[in-house]
Amino acid sequence: MENRGVEFRKWFDPTIECMRHAESLGPGVQIEILSRLSWDICTQLFVGVYTAEGLRIHEHFYDNREGEHLSQALEWGVRQARLIAKGYIMRAERSALDSKSQFPDFLKN
């Protein structure tokens, strides 16, 4: 993910280990989910959705996933990221269809 946003920079702390899930979905969409325990022993979560080029589609961090273990938060984050990615893919496909003409050239005017 080349183009990190403010949400990631607010969440990022290289001194804390985290669990990570990353995958590519559909035509050029990538997700990255990170969960960790903060210094205050709170489960924290980062959800990122990016284009294949690394541009941000969505980034959000959750400061406290109260009552969830790291793996539970990670699983929830994966589901959220997939839903966001699916919406992005559907909008991109709809936009591509809308930009294509449904009529032959001789019927345009």
Protein backbone atom coordinates (compact mmCIF):
# COMPACT_ATOMS: atom_id res chain seq x y z
CA MET A 1 0.00 0.00 0.00
CA GLU A 2 1.96 2.92 -1.31
CA ASN A 3 -0.32 5.81 -0.45
CA ARG A 4 -1.10 5.62 3.27
CA GLY A 5 -3.46 8.18 4.70
CA VAL A 6 -3.93 10.04 7.94
CA GLU A 7 -5.85 7.16 9.51
CA PHE A 8 -2.93 4.78 9.05
CA ARG A 9 -0.41 7.32 10.35
CA LYS A 10 -2.55 7.90 13.46
CA TRP A 11 -2.73 4.13 14.03
CA PHE A 12 0.86 3.18 13.19
CA ASP A 13 3.28 2.39 16.02
CA PRO A 14 6.32 0.30 15.01
CA THR A 15 6.95 -0.69 18.65
CA ILE A 16 3.74 -2.77 18.88
CA GLU A 17 3.45 -6.15 17.17
CA CYS A 18 0.27 -6.87 15.27
CA MET A 19 -1.62 -9.59 13.45
CA ARG A 20 -2.03 -8.96 9.72
CA HIS A 21 -4.36 -10.14 6.98
CA ALA A 22 -3.89 -9.03 3.37
CA GLU A 23 -5.49 -10.23 0.16
CA SER A 24 -6.33 -9.16 -3.37
CA LEU A 25 -9.99 -9.05 -4.35
CA GLY A 26 -11.60 -8.75 -7.74
CA PRO A 27 -10.13 -6.56 -10.43
CA GLY A 28 -7.32 -4.76 -8.69
CA VAL A 29 -8.55 -4.20 -5.14
CA GLN A 30 -6.39 -5.04 -2.13
CA ILE A 31 -7.31 -5.18 1.53
CA GLU A 32 -5.09 -5.00 4.59
CA ILE A 33 -6.33 -5.52 8.13
CA LEU A 34 -4.14 -5.18 11.22
CA SER A 35 -5.04 -5.89 14.85
CA ARG A 36 -2.94 -5.35 17.96
CA LEU A 37 -3.00 -4.81 21.70
CA SER A 38 -2.26 -1.22 22.63
CA TRP A 39 -0.03 -0.26 25.56
CA ASP A 40 -3.29 0.11 27.55
CA ILE A 41 -4.22 -3.51 26.68
CA CYS A 42 -7.04 -2.50 24.31
CA THR A 43 -7.67 -4.42 21.11
CA GLN A 44 -7.13 -2.01 18.23
CA LEU A 45 -7.91 -2.55 14.57
CA PHE A 46 -6.93 -0.96 11.28
CA VAL A 47 -8.93 -1.61 8.08
CA GLY A 48 -7.50 -0.52 4.73
CA VAL A 49 -8.86 -0.98 1.20
CA TYR A 50 -6.67 0.07 -1.75
CA THR A 51 -6.55 -0.02 -5.52
CA ALA A 52 -4.01 -2.25 -7.24
CA GLU A 53 -1.88 0.88 -7.63
CA GLY A 54 -1.89 1.40 -3.86
CA LEU A 55 -4.29 4.34 -3.78
CA ARG A 56 -6.64 4.60 -0.80
CA ILE A 57 -10.24 3.60 -1.23
CA HIS A 58 -10.92 3.40 2.51
CA GLU A 59 -8.89 3.54 5.73
CA HIS A 60 -10.20 3.49 9.27
CA PHE A 61 -8.81 2.56 12.64
CA TYR A 62 -10.71 1.48 15.71
CA ASP A 63 -9.09 2.58 18.94
CA ASN A 64 -10.84 0.00 21.10
CA ARG A 65 -12.65 -3.15 19.94
CA GLU A 66 -13.93 -3.76 23.45
CA GLY A 67 -14.49 -7.39 24.39
CA GLU A 68 -12.77 -8.79 21.28
CA HIS A 69 -9.57 -10.79 21.11
CA LEU A 70 -7.06 -9.97 18.38
CA SER A 71 -8.27 -12.77 16.11
CA GLN A 72 -11.94 -11.78 16.55
CA ALA A 73 -11.18 -8.17 15.68
CA LEU A 74 -9.13 -9.29 12.68
CA GLU A 75 -11.97 -11.49 11.40
CA TRP A 76 -14.49 -8.65 11.81
CA GLY A 77 -12.12 -6.29 9.99
CA VAL A 78 -11.73 -8.74 7.10
CA ARG A 79 -15.52 -8.93 6.70
CA GLN A 80 -15.80 -5.13 6.77
CA ALA A 81 -12.98 -4.67 4.24
CA ARG A 82 -14.53 -7.23 1.89
CA LEU A 83 -17.88 -5.43 2.03
CA ILE A 84 -16.24 -2.09 1.28
CA ALA A 85 -14.20 -3.63 -1.56
CA LYS A 86 -17.29 -5.32 -2.99
CA GLY A 87 -19.13 -1.98 -3.05
CA TYR A 88 -16.17 -0.32 -4.77
CA ILE A 89 -15.93 -3.10 -7.37
CA MET A 90 -19.68 -2.95 -8.06
CA ARG A 91 -19.55 0.85 -8.52
CA ALA A 92 -16.52 0.53 -10.82
CA GLU A 93 -18.25 -2.14 -12.91
CA ARG A 94 -21.46 -0.09 -13.11
CA SER A 95 -19.48 2.97 -14.13
CA ALA A 96 -17.70 0.99 -16.85
CA LEU A 97 -21.03 -0.28 -18.17
CA ASP A 98 -22.54 3.21 -18.11
CA SER A 99 -19.62 4.62 -20.06
CA LYS A 100 -20.09 2.07 -22.85
CA SER A 101 -22.71 2.94 -25.37
CA GLN A 102 -25.70 0.63 -25.49
CA PHE A 103 -26.55 1.72 -29.02
CA PRO A 104 -24.71 1.21 -32.27
CA ASP A 105 -22.94 4.28 -33.70
CA PHE A 106 -25.58 4.81 -36.40
CA LEU A 107 -28.30 5.28 -33.70
CA LYS A 108 -26.40 7.96 -31.79
CA ASN A 109 -27.54 11.59 -32.06
